[in-house]
Amino acid sequence: MSKLYSSILLSHEVKKYMPQMIVPSIRASGQIKLREARVLIIGLGGLGSPVLMYLASSGVGKIGVMDYD
């Protein structure tokens, strides 16, 4: 994503993430940081699976997944 678009939220992102952007500590600037974040989840057992779902639904930009099985 270009630098111009990395500093603003698109209209569909605002609609999708508005419930969490209401939180004062997140707002639009926090949502942009989430979109630019990268996370690696190691293990998709009892904790990894729900964490993956929550991170994806919160708008984390890139999620890597690694599991032994």
PDB file of N, CA and C in Angstrom:
ATOM      1  N   MET A   1       0.850  -1.170   0.000  1.00  0.00           N
ATOM      2  CA  MET A   1       0.000   0.000   0.000  1.00  0.00           C
ATOM      3  C   MET A   1       0.893   1.229   0.000  1.00  0.00           C
ATOM      4  N   SER A   2       0.536   2.233  -0.780  1.00  0.00           N
ATOM      5  CA  SER A   2       1.356   3.428  -0.870  1.00  0.00           C
ATOM      6  C   SER A   2       1.288   4.238   0.416  1.00  0.00           C
ATOM      7  N   LYS A   3       2.252   5.129   0.583  1.00  0.00           N
ATOM      8  CA  LYS A   3       2.318   5.960   1.789  1.00  0.00           C
ATOM      9  C   LYS A   3       1.079   6.827   1.942  1.00  0.00           C
ATOM     10  N   LEU A   4       0.519   7.302   0.817  1.00  0.00           N
ATOM     11  CA  LEU A   4      -0.665   8.150   0.875  1.00  0.00           C
ATOM     12  C   LEU A   4      -1.827   7.414   1.507  1.00  0.00           C
ATOM     13  N   TYR A   5      -2.079   6.174   1.075  1.00  0.00           N
ATOM     14  CA  TYR A   5      -3.206   5.414   1.599  1.00  0.00           C
ATOM     15  C   TYR A   5      -2.915   4.767   2.949  1.00  0.00           C
ATOM     16  N   SER A   6      -1.651   4.666   3.329  1.00  0.00           N
ATOM     17  CA  SER A   6      -1.344   4.045   4.606  1.00  0.00           C
ATOM     18  C   SER A   6      -1.685   4.953   5.785  1.00  0.00           C
ATOM     19  N   SER A   7      -1.885   6.243   5.520  1.00  0.00           N
ATOM     20  CA  SER A   7      -2.183   7.167   6.611  1.00  0.00           C
ATOM     21  C   SER A   7      -3.666   7.499   6.731  1.00  0.00           C
ATOM     22  N   ILE A   8      -4.512   6.925   5.860  1.00  0.00           N
ATOM     23  CA  ILE A   8      -5.947   7.172   5.935  1.00  0.00           C
ATOM     24  C   ILE A   8      -6.702   5.846   5.897  1.00  0.00           C
ATOM     25  N   LEU A   9      -7.915   5.864   6.408  1.00  0.00           N
ATOM     26  CA  LEU A   9      -8.777   4.685   6.337  1.00  0.00           C
ATOM     27  C   LEU A   9      -9.736   4.849   5.170  1.00  0.00           C
ATOM     28  N   LEU A  10      -9.957   3.798   4.448  1.00  0.00           N
ATOM     29  CA  LEU A  10     -10.907   3.812   3.346  1.00  0.00           C
ATOM     30  C   LEU A  10     -12.323   3.690   3.900  1.00  0.00           C
ATOM     31  N   SER A  11     -13.311   4.045   3.115  1.00  0.00           N
ATOM     32  CA  SER A  11     -14.696   4.081   3.600  1.00  0.00           C
ATOM     33  C   SER A  11     -15.176   2.706   4.072  1.00  0.00           C
ATOM     34  N   HIS A  12     -14.809   1.642   3.370  1.00  0.00           N
ATOM     35  CA  HIS A  12     -15.250   0.309   3.803  1.00  0.00           C
ATOM     36  C   HIS A  12     -14.566  -0.099   5.105  1.00  0.00           C
ATOM     37  N   GLU A  13     -13.341   0.381   5.336  1.00  0.00           N
ATOM     38  CA  GLU A  13     -12.672   0.082   6.596  1.00  0.00           C
ATOM     39  C   GLU A  13     -13.333   0.818   7.758  1.00  0.00           C
ATOM     40  N   VAL A  14     -13.732   2.041   7.518  1.00  0.00           N
ATOM     41  CA  VAL A  14     -14.415   2.810   8.561  1.00  0.00           C
ATOM     42  C   VAL A  14     -15.721   2.124   8.947  1.00  0.00           C
ATOM     43  N   LYS A  15     -16.488   1.665   7.967  1.00  0.00           N
ATOM     44  CA  LYS A  15     -17.747   0.978   8.257  1.00  0.00           C
ATOM     45  C   LYS A  15     -17.509  -0.319   9.026  1.00  0.00           C
ATOM     46  N   LYS A  16     -16.504  -1.064   8.625  1.00  0.00           N
ATOM     47  CA  LYS A  16     -16.248  -2.369   9.227  1.00  0.00           C
ATOM     48  C   LYS A  16     -15.720  -2.264  10.654  1.00  0.00           C
ATOM     49  N   TYR A  17     -14.835  -1.304  10.917  1.00  0.00           N
ATOM     50  CA  TYR A  17     -14.150  -1.227  12.202  1.00  0.00           C
ATOM     51  C   TYR A  17     -14.679  -0.121  13.112  1.00  0.00           C
ATOM     52  N   MET A  18     -15.798   0.516  12.763  1.00  0.00           N
ATOM     53  CA  MET A  18     -16.337   1.596  13.576  1.00  0.00           C
ATOM     54  C   MET A  18     -16.607   1.185  15.029  1.00  0.00           C
ATOM     55  N   PRO A  19     -17.140  -0.023  15.305  1.00  0.00           N
ATOM     56  CA  PRO A  19     -17.390  -0.377  16.708  1.00  0.00           C
ATOM     57  C   PRO A  19     -16.133  -0.345  17.578  1.00  0.00           C
ATOM     58  N   GLN A  20     -14.985  -0.733  17.057  1.00  0.00           N
ATOM     59  CA  GLN A  20     -13.784  -0.690  17.874  1.00  0.00           C
ATOM     60  C   GLN A  20     -13.098   0.664  17.800  1.00  0.00           C
ATOM     61  N   MET A  21     -13.374   1.452  16.768  1.00  0.00           N
ATOM     62  CA  MET A  21     -12.780   2.779  16.674  1.00  0.00           C
ATOM     63  C   MET A  21     -13.456   3.768  17.621  1.00  0.00           C
ATOM     64  N   ILE A  22     -14.570   3.389  18.198  1.00  0.00           N
ATOM     65  CA  ILE A  22     -15.234   4.244  19.177  1.00  0.00           C
ATOM     66  C   ILE A  22     -14.409   4.300  20.468  1.00  0.00           C
ATOM     67  N   VAL A  23     -13.657   3.252  20.743  1.00  0.00           N
ATOM     68  CA  VAL A  23     -12.822   3.189  21.946  1.00  0.00           C
ATOM     69  C   VAL A  23     -11.775   4.304  21.868  1.00  0.00           C
ATOM     70  N   PRO A  24     -11.691   5.161  22.891  1.00  0.00           N
ATOM     71  CA  PRO A  24     -10.775   6.307  22.825  1.00  0.00           C
ATOM     72  C   PRO A  24      -9.312   5.948  22.595  1.00  0.00           C
ATOM     73  N   SER A  25      -8.868   4.812  23.086  1.00  0.00           N
ATOM     74  CA  SER A  25      -7.458   4.453  22.912  1.00  0.00           C
ATOM     75  C   SER A  25      -7.149   3.887  21.527  1.00  0.00           C
ATOM     76  N   ILE A  26      -8.165   3.603  20.729  1.00  0.00           N
ATOM     77  CA  ILE A  26      -7.930   3.072  19.379  1.00  0.00           C
ATOM     78  C   ILE A  26      -8.116   4.168  18.338  1.00  0.00           C
ATOM     79  N   ARG A  27      -9.318   4.675  18.198  1.00  0.00           N
ATOM     80  CA  ARG A  27      -9.631   5.695  17.193  1.00  0.00           C
ATOM     81  C   ARG A  27      -9.085   5.311  15.821  1.00  0.00           C
ATOM     82  N   ALA A  28      -9.030   6.240  14.899  1.00  0.00           N
ATOM     83  CA  ALA A  28      -8.562   5.959  13.537  1.00  0.00           C
ATOM     84  C   ALA A  28      -7.060   5.693  13.512  1.00  0.00           C
ATOM     85  N   SER A  29      -6.300   6.412  14.322  1.00  0.00           N
ATOM     86  CA  SER A  29      -4.844   6.223  14.311  1.00  0.00           C
ATOM     87  C   SER A  29      -4.468   4.823  14.787  1.00  0.00           C
ATOM     88  N   GLY A  30      -5.157   4.308  15.787  1.00  0.00           N
ATOM     89  CA  GLY A  30      -4.901   2.951  16.253  1.00  0.00           C
ATOM     90  C   GLY A  30      -5.288   1.909  15.233  1.00  0.00           C
ATOM     91  N   GLN A  31      -6.382   2.159  14.507  1.00  0.00           N
ATOM     92  CA  GLN A  31      -6.817   1.222  13.475  1.00  0.00           C
ATOM     93  C   GLN A  31      -5.810   1.178  12.332  1.00  0.00           C
ATOM     94  N   ILE A  32      -5.229   2.299  12.011  1.00  0.00           N
ATOM     95  CA  ILE A  32      -4.194   2.332  10.975  1.00  0.00           C
ATOM     96  C   ILE A  32      -2.977   1.529  11.439  1.00  0.00           C
ATOM     97  N   LYS A  33      -2.609   1.655  12.709  1.00  0.00           N
ATOM     98  CA  LYS A  33      -1.491   0.875  13.237  1.00  0.00           C
ATOM     99  C   LYS A  33      -1.798  -0.616  13.205  1.00  0.00           C
ATOM    100  N   LEU A  34      -3.042  -0.996  13.493  1.00  0.00           N
ATOM    101  CA  LEU A  34      -3.428  -2.409  13.405  1.00  0.00           C
ATOM    102  C   LEU A  34      -3.321  -2.911  11.969  1.00  0.00           C
ATOM    103  N   ARG A  35      -3.766  -2.102  11.015  1.00  0.00           N
ATOM    104  CA  ARG A  35      -3.710  -2.496   9.608  1.00  0.00           C
ATOM    105  C   ARG A  35      -2.267  -2.691   9.146  1.00  0.00           C
ATOM    106  N   GLU A  36      -1.334  -1.934   9.697  1.00  0.00           N
ATOM    107  CA  GLU A  36       0.067  -2.031   9.296  1.00  0.00           C
ATOM    108  C   GLU A  36       0.855  -3.069  10.107  1.00  0.00           C
ATOM    109  N   ALA A  37       0.231  -3.651  11.120  1.00  0.00           N
ATOM    110  CA  ALA A  37       0.916  -4.605  12.001  1.00  0.00           C
ATOM    111  C   ALA A  37       1.102  -5.957  11.324  1.00  0.00           C
ATOM    112  N   ARG A  38       2.134  -6.674  11.779  1.00  0.00           N
ATOM    113  CA  ARG A  38       2.395  -8.035  11.323  1.00  0.00           C
ATOM    114  C   ARG A  38       2.508  -8.928  12.548  1.00  0.00           C
ATOM    115  N   VAL A  39       1.846 -10.078  12.508  1.00  0.00           N
ATOM    116  CA  VAL A  39       1.801 -10.988  13.654  1.00  0.00           C
ATOM    117  C   VAL A  39       2.076 -12.401  13.157  1.00  0.00           C
ATOM    118  N   LEU A  40       2.828 -13.158  13.951  1.00  0.00           N
ATOM    119  CA  LEU A  40       3.062 -14.573  13.668  1.00  0.00           C
ATOM    120  C   LEU A  40       2.452 -15.384  14.800  1.00  0.00           C
ATOM    121  N   ILE A  41       1.561 -16.297  14.459  1.00  0.00           N
ATOM    122  CA  ILE A  41       0.950 -17.190  15.439  1.00  0.00           C
ATOM    123  C   ILE A  41       1.591 -18.556  15.274  1.00  0.00           C
ATOM    124  N   ILE A  42       2.184 -19.043  16.355  1.00  0.00           N
ATOM    125  CA  ILE A  42       2.824 -20.353  16.325  1.00  0.00           C
ATOM    126  C   ILE A  42       1.959 -21.310  17.137  1.00  0.00           C
ATOM    127  N   GLY A  43       1.380 -22.278  16.452  1.00  0.00           N
ATOM    128  CA  GLY A  43       0.490 -23.242  17.094  1.00  0.00           C
ATOM    129  C   GLY A  43      -0.961 -22.819  16.972  1.00  0.00           C
ATOM    130  N   LEU A  44      -1.775 -23.708  16.445  1.00  0.00           N
ATOM    131  CA  LEU A  44      -3.196 -23.404  16.261  1.00  0.00           C
ATOM    132  C   LEU A  44      -4.069 -24.314  17.111  1.00  0.00           C
ATOM    133  N   GLY A  45      -3.631 -24.570  18.309  1.00  0.00           N
ATOM    134  CA  GLY A  45      -4.401 -25.407  19.222  1.00  0.00           C
ATOM    135  C   GLY A  45      -5.509 -24.629  19.890  1.00  0.00           C
ATOM    136  N   GLY A  46      -5.701 -24.889  21.176  1.00  0.00           N
ATOM    137  CA  GLY A  46      -6.804 -24.292  21.923  1.00  0.00           C
ATOM    138  C   GLY A  46      -6.735 -22.786  22.038  1.00  0.00           C
ATOM    139  N   LEU A  47      -5.537 -22.211  22.032  1.00  0.00           N
ATOM    140  CA  LEU A  47      -5.409 -20.753  22.119  1.00  0.00           C
ATOM    141  C   LEU A  47      -5.150 -20.105  20.760  1.00  0.00           C
ATOM    142  N   GLY A  48      -4.372 -20.757  19.922  1.00  0.00           N
ATOM    143  CA  GLY A  48      -3.995 -20.168  18.644  1.00  0.00           C
ATOM    144  C   GLY A  48      -5.163 -19.938  17.702  1.00  0.00           C
ATOM    145  N   SER A  49      -6.108 -20.864  17.665  1.00  0.00           N
ATOM    146  CA  SER A  49      -7.257 -20.723  16.758  1.00  0.00           C
ATOM    147  C   SER A  49      -8.117 -19.506  17.078  1.00  0.00           C
ATOM    148  N   PRO A  50      -8.528 -19.310  18.340  1.00  0.00           N
ATOM    149  CA  PRO A  50      -9.316 -18.114  18.619  1.00  0.00           C
ATOM    150  C   PRO A  50      -8.514 -16.827  18.467  1.00  0.00           C
ATOM    151  N   VAL A  51      -7.224 -16.873  18.786  1.00  0.00           N
ATOM    152  CA  VAL A  51      -6.391 -15.683  18.604  1.00  0.00           C
ATOM    153  C   VAL A  51      -6.349 -15.294  17.133  1.00  0.00           C
ATOM    154  N   LEU A  52      -6.202 -16.274  16.256  1.00  0.00           N
ATOM    155  CA  LEU A  52      -6.204 -16.018  14.821  1.00  0.00           C
ATOM    156  C   LEU A  52      -7.504 -15.351  14.391  1.00  0.00           C
ATOM    157  N   MET A  53      -8.616 -15.859  14.861  1.00  0.00           N
ATOM    158  CA  MET A  53      -9.916 -15.294  14.502  1.00  0.00           C
ATOM    159  C   MET A  53     -10.050 -13.852  14.996  1.00  0.00           C
ATOM    160  N   TYR A  54      -9.638 -13.599  16.238  1.00  0.00           N
ATOM    161  CA  TYR A  54      -9.769 -12.251  16.801  1.00  0.00           C
ATOM    162  C   TYR A  54      -8.848 -11.252  16.108  1.00  0.00           C
ATOM    163  N   LEU A  55      -7.634 -11.667  15.804  1.00  0.00           N
ATOM    164  CA  LEU A  55      -6.708 -10.771  15.113  1.00  0.00           C
ATOM    165  C   LEU A  55      -7.206 -10.435  13.708  1.00  0.00           C
ATOM    166  N   ALA A  56      -7.703 -11.438  13.007  1.00  0.00           N
ATOM    167  CA  ALA A  56      -8.212 -11.208  11.657  1.00  0.00           C
ATOM    168  C   ALA A  56      -9.424 -10.277  11.676  1.00  0.00           C
ATOM    169  N   SER A  57     -10.306 -10.468  12.631  1.00  0.00           N
ATOM    170  CA  SER A  57     -11.509  -9.632  12.672  1.00  0.00           C
ATOM    171  C   SER A  57     -11.238  -8.234  13.202  1.00  0.00           C
ATOM    172  N   SER A  58     -10.117  -8.041  13.893  1.00  0.00           N
ATOM    173  CA  SER A  58      -9.806  -6.709  14.396  1.00  0.00           C
ATOM    174  C   SER A  58      -9.076  -5.853  13.364  1.00  0.00           C
ATOM    175  N   GLY A  59      -8.631  -6.459  12.269  1.00  0.00           N
ATOM    176  CA  GLY A  59      -8.040  -5.681  11.189  1.00  0.00           C
ATOM    177  C   GLY A  59      -6.527  -5.707  11.131  1.00  0.00           C
ATOM    178  N   VAL A  60      -5.888  -6.692  11.762  1.00  0.00           N
ATOM    179  CA  VAL A  60      -4.431  -6.804  11.676  1.00  0.00           C
ATOM    180  C   VAL A  60      -4.060  -7.077  10.222  1.00  0.00           C
ATOM    181  N   GLY A  61      -3.076  -6.355   9.715  1.00  0.00           N
ATOM    182  CA  GLY A  61      -2.743  -6.386   8.300  1.00  0.00           C
ATOM    183  C   GLY A  61      -2.217  -7.702   7.775  1.00  0.00           C
ATOM    184  N   LYS A  62      -1.177  -8.239   8.401  1.00  0.00           N
ATOM    185  CA  LYS A  62      -0.576  -9.482   7.911  1.00  0.00           C
ATOM    186  C   LYS A  62      -0.472 -10.445   9.079  1.00  0.00           C
ATOM    187  N   ILE A  63      -0.985 -11.656   8.870  1.00  0.00           N
ATOM    188  CA  ILE A  63      -0.962 -12.687   9.903  1.00  0.00           C
ATOM    189  C   ILE A  63      -0.285 -13.919   9.327  1.00  0.00           C
ATOM    190  N   GLY A  64       0.792 -14.327   9.977  1.00  0.00           N
ATOM    191  CA  GLY A  64       1.470 -15.554   9.602  1.00  0.00           C
ATOM    192  C   GLY A  64       1.038 -16.664  10.561  1.00  0.00           C
ATOM    193  N   VAL A  65       0.941 -17.879  10.041  1.00  0.00           N
ATOM    194  CA  VAL A  65       0.491 -19.010  10.852  1.00  0.00           C
ATOM    195  C   VAL A  65       1.490 -20.147  10.699  1.00  0.00           C
ATOM    196  N   MET A  66       1.893 -20.727  11.834  1.00  0.00           N
ATOM    197  CA  MET A  66       2.805 -21.854  11.812  1.00  0.00           C
ATOM    198  C   MET A  66       2.294 -22.887  12.811  1.00  0.00           C
ATOM    199  N   ASP A  67       2.183 -24.145  12.351  1.00  0.00           N
ATOM    200  CA  ASP A  67       1.729 -25.211  13.212  1.00  0.00           C
ATOM    201  C   ASP A  67       2.492 -26.477  12.878  1.00  0.00           C
ATOM    202  N   TYR A  68       2.825 -27.228  13.879  1.00  0.00           N
ATOM    203  CA  TYR A  68       3.605 -28.457  13.686  1.00  0.00           C
ATOM    204  C   TYR A  68       2.813 -29.519  12.928  1.00  0.00           C
ATOM    205  N   ASP A  69       1.519 -29.615  13.213  1.00  0.00           N
ATOM    206  CA  ASP A  69       0.699 -30.658  12.598  1.00  0.00           C
ATOM    207  C   ASP A  69       0.518 -30.354  11.158  1.00  0.00           C
TER     208      ASP A  69
END
